[in-house]
PDB file of N, CA and C in Angstrom:
ATOM      1  N   UNK A   1       2.128  19.021   5.502  1.00  0.00           N
ATOM      2  CA  UNK A   1       2.152  17.718   4.850  1.00  0.00           C
ATOM      3  C   UNK A   1       3.242  16.864   5.497  1.00  0.00           C
ATOM      4  N   UNK A   2       2.935  15.592   5.629  1.00  0.00           N
ATOM      5  CA  UNK A   2       3.884  14.656   6.229  1.00  0.00           C
ATOM      6  C   UNK A   2       4.299  13.614   5.190  1.00  0.00           C
ATOM      7  N   UNK A   3       5.504  13.121   5.323  1.00  0.00           N
ATOM      8  CA  UNK A   3       6.038  12.124   4.405  1.00  0.00           C
ATOM      9  C   UNK A   3       5.674  10.723   4.896  1.00  0.00           C
ATOM     10  N   UNK A   4       5.103   9.927   3.985  1.00  0.00           N
ATOM     11  CA  UNK A   4       4.758   8.544   4.272  1.00  0.00           C
ATOM     12  C   UNK A   4       5.312   7.653   3.161  1.00  0.00           C
ATOM     13  N   UNK A   5       5.689   6.449   3.529  1.00  0.00           N
ATOM     14  CA  UNK A   5       6.173   5.450   2.586  1.00  0.00           C
ATOM     15  C   UNK A   5       5.144   4.333   2.516  1.00  0.00           C
ATOM     16  N   UNK A   6       4.686   4.014   1.311  1.00  0.00           N
ATOM     17  CA  UNK A   6       3.691   2.972   1.126  1.00  0.00           C
ATOM     18  C   UNK A   6       4.386   1.723   0.576  1.00  0.00           C
ATOM     19  N   UNK A   7       4.877   0.898   1.498  1.00  0.00           N
ATOM     20  CA  UNK A   7       5.547  -0.339   1.122  1.00  0.00           C
ATOM     21  C   UNK A   7       4.493  -1.419   0.876  1.00  0.00           C
ATOM     22  N   UNK A   8       4.772  -2.335  -0.052  1.00  0.00           N
ATOM     23  CA  UNK A   8       3.861  -3.439  -0.331  1.00  0.00           C
ATOM     24  C   UNK A   8       4.481  -4.729   0.191  1.00  0.00           C
ATOM     25  N   UNK A   9       3.719  -5.440   1.007  1.00  0.00           N
ATOM     26  CA  UNK A   9       4.142  -6.742   1.518  1.00  0.00           C
ATOM     27  C   UNK A   9       3.389  -7.803   0.729  1.00  0.00           C
ATOM     28  N   UNK A  10       4.155  -8.698   0.080  1.00  0.00           N
ATOM     29  CA  UNK A  10       3.588  -9.813  -0.684  1.00  0.00           C
ATOM     30  C   UNK A  10       4.215 -11.083  -0.131  1.00  0.00           C
ATOM     31  N   UNK A  11       3.535 -11.698   0.826  1.00  0.00           N
ATOM     32  CA  UNK A  11       4.107 -12.855   1.511  1.00  0.00           C
ATOM     33  C   UNK A  11       5.315 -12.420   2.316  1.00  0.00           C
ATOM     34  N   UNK A  12       6.441 -13.039   2.050  1.00  0.00           N
ATOM     35  CA  UNK A  12       7.660 -12.663   2.776  1.00  0.00           C
ATOM     36  C   UNK A  12       8.433 -11.552   2.068  1.00  0.00           C
ATOM     37  N   UNK A  13       8.002 -11.180   0.865  1.00  0.00           N
ATOM     38  CA  UNK A  13       8.696 -10.149   0.095  1.00  0.00           C
ATOM     39  C   UNK A  13       8.159  -8.757   0.440  1.00  0.00           C
ATOM     40  N   UNK A  14       9.069  -7.817   0.649  1.00  0.00           N
ATOM     41  CA  UNK A  14       8.696  -6.429   0.881  1.00  0.00           C
ATOM     42  C   UNK A  14       9.178  -5.605  -0.303  1.00  0.00           C
ATOM     43  N   UNK A  15       8.235  -4.939  -0.958  1.00  0.00           N
ATOM     44  CA  UNK A  15       8.556  -4.046  -2.066  1.00  0.00           C
ATOM     45  C   UNK A  15       8.542  -2.639  -1.492  1.00  0.00           C
ATOM     46  N   UNK A  16       9.729  -2.077  -1.315  1.00  0.00           N
ATOM     47  CA  UNK A  16       9.864  -0.787  -0.633  1.00  0.00           C
ATOM     48  C   UNK A  16       9.509   0.382  -1.534  1.00  0.00           C
ATOM     49  N   UNK A  17       8.923   1.376  -0.925  1.00  0.00           N
ATOM     50  CA  UNK A  17       8.658   2.660  -1.565  1.00  0.00           C
ATOM     51  C   UNK A  17       9.854   3.546  -1.214  1.00  0.00           C
ATOM     52  N   UNK A  18      10.788   3.728  -2.134  1.00  0.00           N
ATOM     53  CA  UNK A  18      12.018   4.437  -1.800  1.00  0.00           C
ATOM     54  C   UNK A  18      11.862   5.952  -1.635  1.00  0.00           C
ATOM     55  N   UNK A  19      10.861   6.545  -2.276  1.00  0.00           N
ATOM     56  CA  UNK A  19      10.726   8.002  -2.273  1.00  0.00           C
ATOM     57  C   UNK A  19       9.690   8.519  -1.290  1.00  0.00           C
ATOM     58  N   UNK A  20       8.640   7.765  -1.097  1.00  0.00           N
ATOM     59  CA  UNK A  20       7.556   8.219  -0.245  1.00  0.00           C
ATOM     60  C   UNK A  20       6.695   9.263  -0.933  1.00  0.00           C
ATOM     61  N   UNK A  21       5.623   9.651  -0.249  1.00  0.00           N
ATOM     62  CA  UNK A  21       4.691  10.660  -0.749  1.00  0.00           C
ATOM     63  C   UNK A  21       4.223  11.497   0.431  1.00  0.00           C
ATOM     64  N   UNK A  22       3.857  12.728   0.141  1.00  0.00           N
ATOM     65  CA  UNK A  22       3.387  13.623   1.203  1.00  0.00           C
ATOM     66  C   UNK A  22       1.864  13.620   1.253  1.00  0.00           C
ATOM     67  N   UNK A  23       1.343  13.458   2.456  1.00  0.00           N
ATOM     68  CA  UNK A  23      -0.092  13.492   2.709  1.00  0.00           C
ATOM     69  C   UNK A  23      -0.326  14.309   3.977  1.00  0.00           C
ATOM     70  N   UNK A  24      -1.517  14.866   4.135  1.00  0.00           N
ATOM     71  CA  UNK A  24      -1.799  15.651   5.340  1.00  0.00           C
ATOM     72  C   UNK A  24      -1.729  14.824   6.625  1.00  0.00           C
ATOM     73  N   UNK A  25      -2.158  13.549   6.529  1.00  0.00           N
ATOM     74  CA  UNK A  25      -2.164  12.691   7.719  1.00  0.00           C
ATOM     75  C   UNK A  25      -2.249  11.231   7.292  1.00  0.00           C
ATOM     76  N   UNK A  26      -2.215  10.350   8.281  1.00  0.00           N
ATOM     77  CA  UNK A  26      -2.219   8.916   7.998  1.00  0.00           C
ATOM     78  C   UNK A  26      -3.559   8.460   7.409  1.00  0.00           C
ATOM     79  N   UNK A  27      -4.642   9.150   7.720  1.00  0.00           N
ATOM     80  CA  UNK A  27      -5.955   8.792   7.162  1.00  0.00           C
ATOM     81  C   UNK A  27      -5.937   8.955   5.643  1.00  0.00           C
ATOM     82  N   UNK A  28      -5.366  10.038   5.170  1.00  0.00           N
ATOM     83  CA  UNK A  28      -5.280  10.273   3.726  1.00  0.00           C
ATOM     84  C   UNK A  28      -4.298   9.277   3.100  1.00  0.00           C
ATOM     85  N   UNK A  29      -3.224   8.951   3.781  1.00  0.00           N
ATOM     86  CA  UNK A  29      -2.274   7.956   3.286  1.00  0.00           C
ATOM     87  C   UNK A  29      -2.958   6.600   3.141  1.00  0.00           C
ATOM     88  N   UNK A  30      -3.804   6.231   4.100  1.00  0.00           N
ATOM     89  CA  UNK A  30      -4.539   4.968   4.024  1.00  0.00           C
ATOM     90  C   UNK A  30      -5.513   4.974   2.849  1.00  0.00           C
ATOM     91  N   UNK A  31      -6.164   6.100   2.612  1.00  0.00           N
ATOM     92  CA  UNK A  31      -7.076   6.224   1.480  1.00  0.00           C
ATOM     93  C   UNK A  31      -6.332   6.036   0.162  1.00  0.00           C
ATOM     94  N   UNK A  32      -5.148   6.620   0.067  1.00  0.00           N
ATOM     95  CA  UNK A  32      -4.325   6.448  -1.134  1.00  0.00           C
ATOM     96  C   UNK A  32      -3.895   4.993  -1.284  1.00  0.00           C
ATOM     97  N   UNK A  33      -3.583   4.332  -0.186  1.00  0.00           N
ATOM     98  CA  UNK A  33      -3.194   2.921  -0.230  1.00  0.00           C
ATOM     99  C   UNK A  33      -4.339   2.062  -0.769  1.00  0.00           C
ATOM    100  N   UNK A  34      -5.553   2.341  -0.348  1.00  0.00           N
ATOM    101  CA  UNK A  34      -6.717   1.587  -0.844  1.00  0.00           C
ATOM    102  C   UNK A  34      -6.887   1.807  -2.336  1.00  0.00           C
ATOM    103  N   UNK A  35      -6.775   3.046  -2.772  1.00  0.00           N
ATOM    104  CA  UNK A  35      -6.875   3.364  -4.202  1.00  0.00           C
ATOM    105  C   UNK A  35      -5.776   2.636  -4.985  1.00  0.00           C
ATOM    106  N   UNK A  36      -4.557   2.679  -4.476  1.00  0.00           N
ATOM    107  CA  UNK A  36      -3.431   2.019  -5.143  1.00  0.00           C
ATOM    108  C   UNK A  36      -3.593   0.502  -5.149  1.00  0.00           C
ATOM    109  N   UNK A  37      -4.141  -0.058  -4.083  1.00  0.00           N
ATOM    110  CA  UNK A  37      -4.376  -1.505  -4.028  1.00  0.00           C
ATOM    111  C   UNK A  37      -5.325  -1.934  -5.146  1.00  0.00           C
ATOM    112  N   UNK A  38      -6.355  -1.162  -5.386  1.00  0.00           N
ATOM    113  CA  UNK A  38      -7.295  -1.476  -6.475  1.00  0.00           C
ATOM    114  C   UNK A  38      -6.576  -1.478  -7.828  1.00  0.00           C
ATOM    115  N   UNK A  39      -5.737  -0.476  -8.037  1.00  0.00           N
ATOM    116  CA  UNK A  39      -4.989  -0.410  -9.295  1.00  0.00           C
ATOM    117  C   UNK A  39      -4.030  -1.587  -9.432  1.00  0.00           C
ATOM    118  N   UNK A  40      -3.313  -1.899  -8.363  1.00  0.00           N
ATOM    119  CA  UNK A  40      -2.355  -3.011  -8.412  1.00  0.00           C
ATOM    120  C   UNK A  40      -3.043  -4.352  -8.634  1.00  0.00           C
ATOM    121  N   UNK A  41      -4.209  -4.554  -8.016  1.00  0.00           N
ATOM    122  CA  UNK A  41      -4.935  -5.805  -8.235  1.00  0.00           C
ATOM    123  C   UNK A  41      -5.423  -5.907  -9.675  1.00  0.00           C
ATOM    124  N   UNK A  42      -5.901  -4.801 -10.234  1.00  0.00           N
ATOM    125  CA  UNK A  42      -6.348  -4.813 -11.632  1.00  0.00           C
ATOM    126  C   UNK A  42      -5.194  -5.154 -12.569  1.00  0.00           C
ATOM    127  N   UNK A  43      -4.046  -4.527 -12.341  1.00  0.00           N
ATOM    128  CA  UNK A  43      -2.868  -4.802 -13.165  1.00  0.00           C
ATOM    129  C   UNK A  43      -2.420  -6.249 -13.011  1.00  0.00           C
ATOM    130  N   UNK A  44      -2.505  -6.777 -11.811  1.00  0.00           N
ATOM    131  CA  UNK A  44      -2.078  -8.145 -11.536  1.00  0.00           C
ATOM    132  C   UNK A  44      -2.968  -9.151 -12.263  1.00  0.00           C
ATOM    133  N   UNK A  45      -4.266  -8.894 -12.296  1.00  0.00           N
ATOM    134  CA  UNK A  45      -5.186  -9.796 -12.995  1.00  0.00           C
ATOM    135  C   UNK A  45      -4.858  -9.811 -14.487  1.00  0.00           C
ATOM    136  N   UNK A  46      -4.629  -8.641 -15.047  1.00  0.00           N
ATOM    137  CA  UNK A  46      -4.325  -8.549 -16.479  1.00  0.00           C
ATOM    138  C   UNK A  46      -2.996  -9.221 -16.792  1.00  0.00           C
ATOM    139  N   UNK A  47      -1.987  -8.965 -15.972  1.00  0.00           N
ATOM    140  CA  UNK A  47      -0.632  -9.458 -16.231  1.00  0.00           C
ATOM    141  C   UNK A  47      -0.461 -10.935 -15.888  1.00  0.00           C
ATOM    142  N   UNK A  48      -0.950 -11.343 -14.710  1.00  0.00           N
ATOM    143  CA  UNK A  48      -0.654 -12.683 -14.200  1.00  0.00           C
ATOM    144  C   UNK A  48      -1.875 -13.572 -14.019  1.00  0.00           C
ATOM    145  N   UNK A  49      -3.055 -13.022 -14.188  1.00  0.00           N
ATOM    146  CA  UNK A  49      -4.256 -13.793 -13.908  1.00  0.00           C
ATOM    147  C   UNK A  49      -4.428 -14.046 -12.417  1.00  0.00           C
ATOM    148  N   UNK A  50      -3.769 -13.224 -11.597  1.00  0.00           N
ATOM    149  CA  UNK A  50      -3.771 -13.381 -10.139  1.00  0.00           C
ATOM    150  C   UNK A  50      -4.260 -12.080  -9.518  1.00  0.00           C
ATOM    151  N   UNK A  51      -5.207 -12.191  -8.601  1.00  0.00           N
ATOM    152  CA  UNK A  51      -5.738 -10.987  -7.961  1.00  0.00           C
ATOM    153  C   UNK A  51      -4.753 -10.391  -6.964  1.00  0.00           C
ATOM    154  N   UNK A  52      -4.071 -11.225  -6.232  1.00  0.00           N
ATOM    155  CA  UNK A  52      -3.097 -10.723  -5.263  1.00  0.00           C
ATOM    156  C   UNK A  52      -3.739 -10.080  -4.054  1.00  0.00           C
ATOM    157  N   UNK A  53      -4.892 -10.576  -3.667  1.00  0.00           N
ATOM    158  CA  UNK A  53      -5.648  -9.978  -2.570  1.00  0.00           C
ATOM    159  C   UNK A  53      -4.986 -10.187  -1.207  1.00  0.00           C
ATOM    160  N   UNK A  54      -4.037 -11.094  -1.121  1.00  0.00           N
ATOM    161  CA  UNK A  54      -3.366 -11.364   0.159  1.00  0.00           C
ATOM    162  C   UNK A  54      -2.240 -10.379   0.455  1.00  0.00           C
ATOM    163  N   UNK A  55      -1.964  -9.473  -0.455  1.00  0.00           N
ATOM    164  CA  UNK A  55      -0.926  -8.461  -0.213  1.00  0.00           C
ATOM    165  C   UNK A  55      -1.452  -7.394   0.744  1.00  0.00           C
ATOM    166  N   UNK A  56      -0.535  -6.538   1.194  1.00  0.00           N
ATOM    167  CA  UNK A  56      -0.941  -5.437   2.066  1.00  0.00           C
ATOM    168  C   UNK A  56       0.047  -4.285   1.928  1.00  0.00           C
ATOM    169  N   UNK A  57      -0.439  -3.098   2.230  1.00  0.00           N
ATOM    170  CA  UNK A  57       0.433  -1.936   2.335  1.00  0.00           C
ATOM    171  C   UNK A  57       0.874  -1.803   3.782  1.00  0.00           C
ATOM    172  N   UNK A  58       2.151  -1.541   3.971  1.00  0.00           N
ATOM    173  CA  UNK A  58       2.690  -1.191   5.269  1.00  0.00           C
ATOM    174  C   UNK A  58       3.114   0.268   5.158  1.00  0.00           C
ATOM    175  N   UNK A  59       2.372   1.133   5.803  1.00  0.00           N
ATOM    176  CA  UNK A  59       2.615   2.570   5.708  1.00  0.00           C
ATOM    177  C   UNK A  59       3.568   2.977   6.823  1.00  0.00           C
ATOM    178  N   UNK A  60       4.662   3.597   6.412  1.00  0.00           N
ATOM    179  CA  UNK A  60       5.681   4.027   7.381  1.00  0.00           C
ATOM    180  C   UNK A  60       5.803   5.548   7.357  1.00  0.00           C
ATOM    181  N   UNK A  61       6.199   6.095   8.495  1.00  0.00           N
ATOM    182  CA  UNK A  61       6.427   7.537   8.586  1.00  0.00           C
ATOM    183  C   UNK A  61       7.870   7.871   8.210  1.00  0.00           C
ATOM    184  N   UNK A  62       8.229   9.131   8.338  1.00  0.00           N
ATOM    185  CA  UNK A  62       9.558   9.611   7.969  1.00  0.00           C
ATOM    186  C   UNK A  62      10.669   8.841   8.688  1.00  0.00           C
ATOM    187  N   UNK A  63      10.401   8.420   9.914  1.00  0.00           N
ATOM    188  CA  UNK A  63      11.398   7.682  10.699  1.00  0.00           C
ATOM    189  C   UNK A  63      11.380   6.182  10.392  1.00  0.00           C
ATOM    190  N   UNK A  64      10.571   5.801   9.400  1.00  0.00           N
ATOM    191  CA  UNK A  64      10.448   4.410   8.945  1.00  0.00           C
ATOM    192  C   UNK A  64       9.717   3.511   9.939  1.00  0.00           C
ATOM    193  N   UNK A  65       8.930   4.113  10.834  1.00  0.00           N
ATOM    194  CA  UNK A  65       8.086   3.353  11.749  1.00  0.00           C
ATOM    195  C   UNK A  65       6.772   3.025  11.057  1.00  0.00           C
ATOM    196  N   UNK A  66       6.314   1.776  11.147  1.00  0.00           N
ATOM    197  CA  UNK A  66       5.027   1.406  10.560  1.00  0.00           C
ATOM    198  C   UNK A  66       3.920   2.061  11.373  1.00  0.00           C
ATOM    199  N   UNK A  67       3.100   2.883  10.704  1.00  0.00           N
ATOM    200  CA  UNK A  67       2.019   3.596  11.382  1.00  0.00           C
ATOM    201  C   UNK A  67       0.645   3.052  11.016  1.00  0.00           C
ATOM    202  N   UNK A  68       0.575   2.238   9.953  1.00  0.00           N
ATOM    203  CA  UNK A  68      -0.697   1.635   9.553  1.00  0.00           C
ATOM    204  C   UNK A  68      -0.418   0.469   8.615  1.00  0.00           C
ATOM    205  N   UNK A  69      -1.326  -0.493   8.650  1.00  0.00           N
ATOM    206  CA  UNK A  69      -1.288  -1.614   7.717  1.00  0.00           C
ATOM    207  C   UNK A  69      -2.637  -1.644   7.016  1.00  0.00           C
ATOM    208  N   UNK A  70      -2.601  -1.704   5.688  1.00  0.00           N
ATOM    209  CA  UNK A  70      -3.816  -1.709   4.891  1.00  0.00           C
ATOM    210  C   UNK A  70      -3.831  -2.966   4.021  1.00  0.00           C
ATOM    211  N   UNK A  71      -4.576  -3.990   4.439  1.00  0.00           N
ATOM    212  CA  UNK A  71      -4.698  -5.190   3.605  1.00  0.00           C
ATOM    213  C   UNK A  71      -5.404  -4.864   2.299  1.00  0.00           C
ATOM    214  N   UNK A  72      -4.968  -5.487   1.222  1.00  0.00           N
ATOM    215  CA  UNK A  72      -5.617  -5.262  -0.065  1.00  0.00           C
ATOM    216  C   UNK A  72      -7.093  -5.649   0.006  1.00  0.00           C
ATOM    217  N   UNK A  73      -7.457  -6.563   0.889  1.00  0.00           N
ATOM    218  CA  UNK A  73      -8.865  -6.974   1.045  1.00  0.00           C
ATOM    219  C   UNK A  73      -9.768  -5.779   1.331  1.00  0.00           C
ATOM    220  N   UNK A  74      -9.228  -4.773   2.014  1.00  0.00           N
ATOM    221  CA  UNK A  74     -10.039  -3.583   2.320  1.00  0.00           C
ATOM    222  C   UNK A  74     -10.421  -2.817   1.065  1.00  0.00           C
ATOM    223  N   UNK A  75      -9.717  -3.046  -0.019  1.00  0.00           N
ATOM    224  CA  UNK A  75      -9.995  -2.333  -1.270  1.00  0.00           C
ATOM    225  C   UNK A  75     -11.167  -2.919  -2.033  1.00  0.00           C
ATOM    226  N   UNK A  76     -11.657  -4.072  -1.613  1.00  0.00           N
ATOM    227  CA  UNK A  76     -12.773  -4.697  -2.341  1.00  0.00           C
ATOM    228  C   UNK A  76     -14.075  -4.656  -1.562  1.00  0.00           C
ATOM    229  N   UNK A  77     -14.081  -3.981  -0.448  1.00  0.00           N
ATOM    230  CA  UNK A  77     -15.317  -3.869   0.356  1.00  0.00           C
ATOM    231  C   UNK A  77     -16.177  -2.741  -0.128  1.00  0.00           C
TER     232      UNK A  77
END
């Protein structure tokens, strides 16, 4: 298992994932990001009346290098 950090980028704001999560590979981390994006958009609609579809996950590895970017738009396809 490898450690990945799923940071959320909302415009110029970066919401850091301080702990990270372990996944077998970046493909599984991306799948989790899509699942989480759906949950975050649902919560955002309920809380703010805003879908927040312009946000994205920036997935980083243990060394804090960005290894994938997952736009929230991918969660609605």
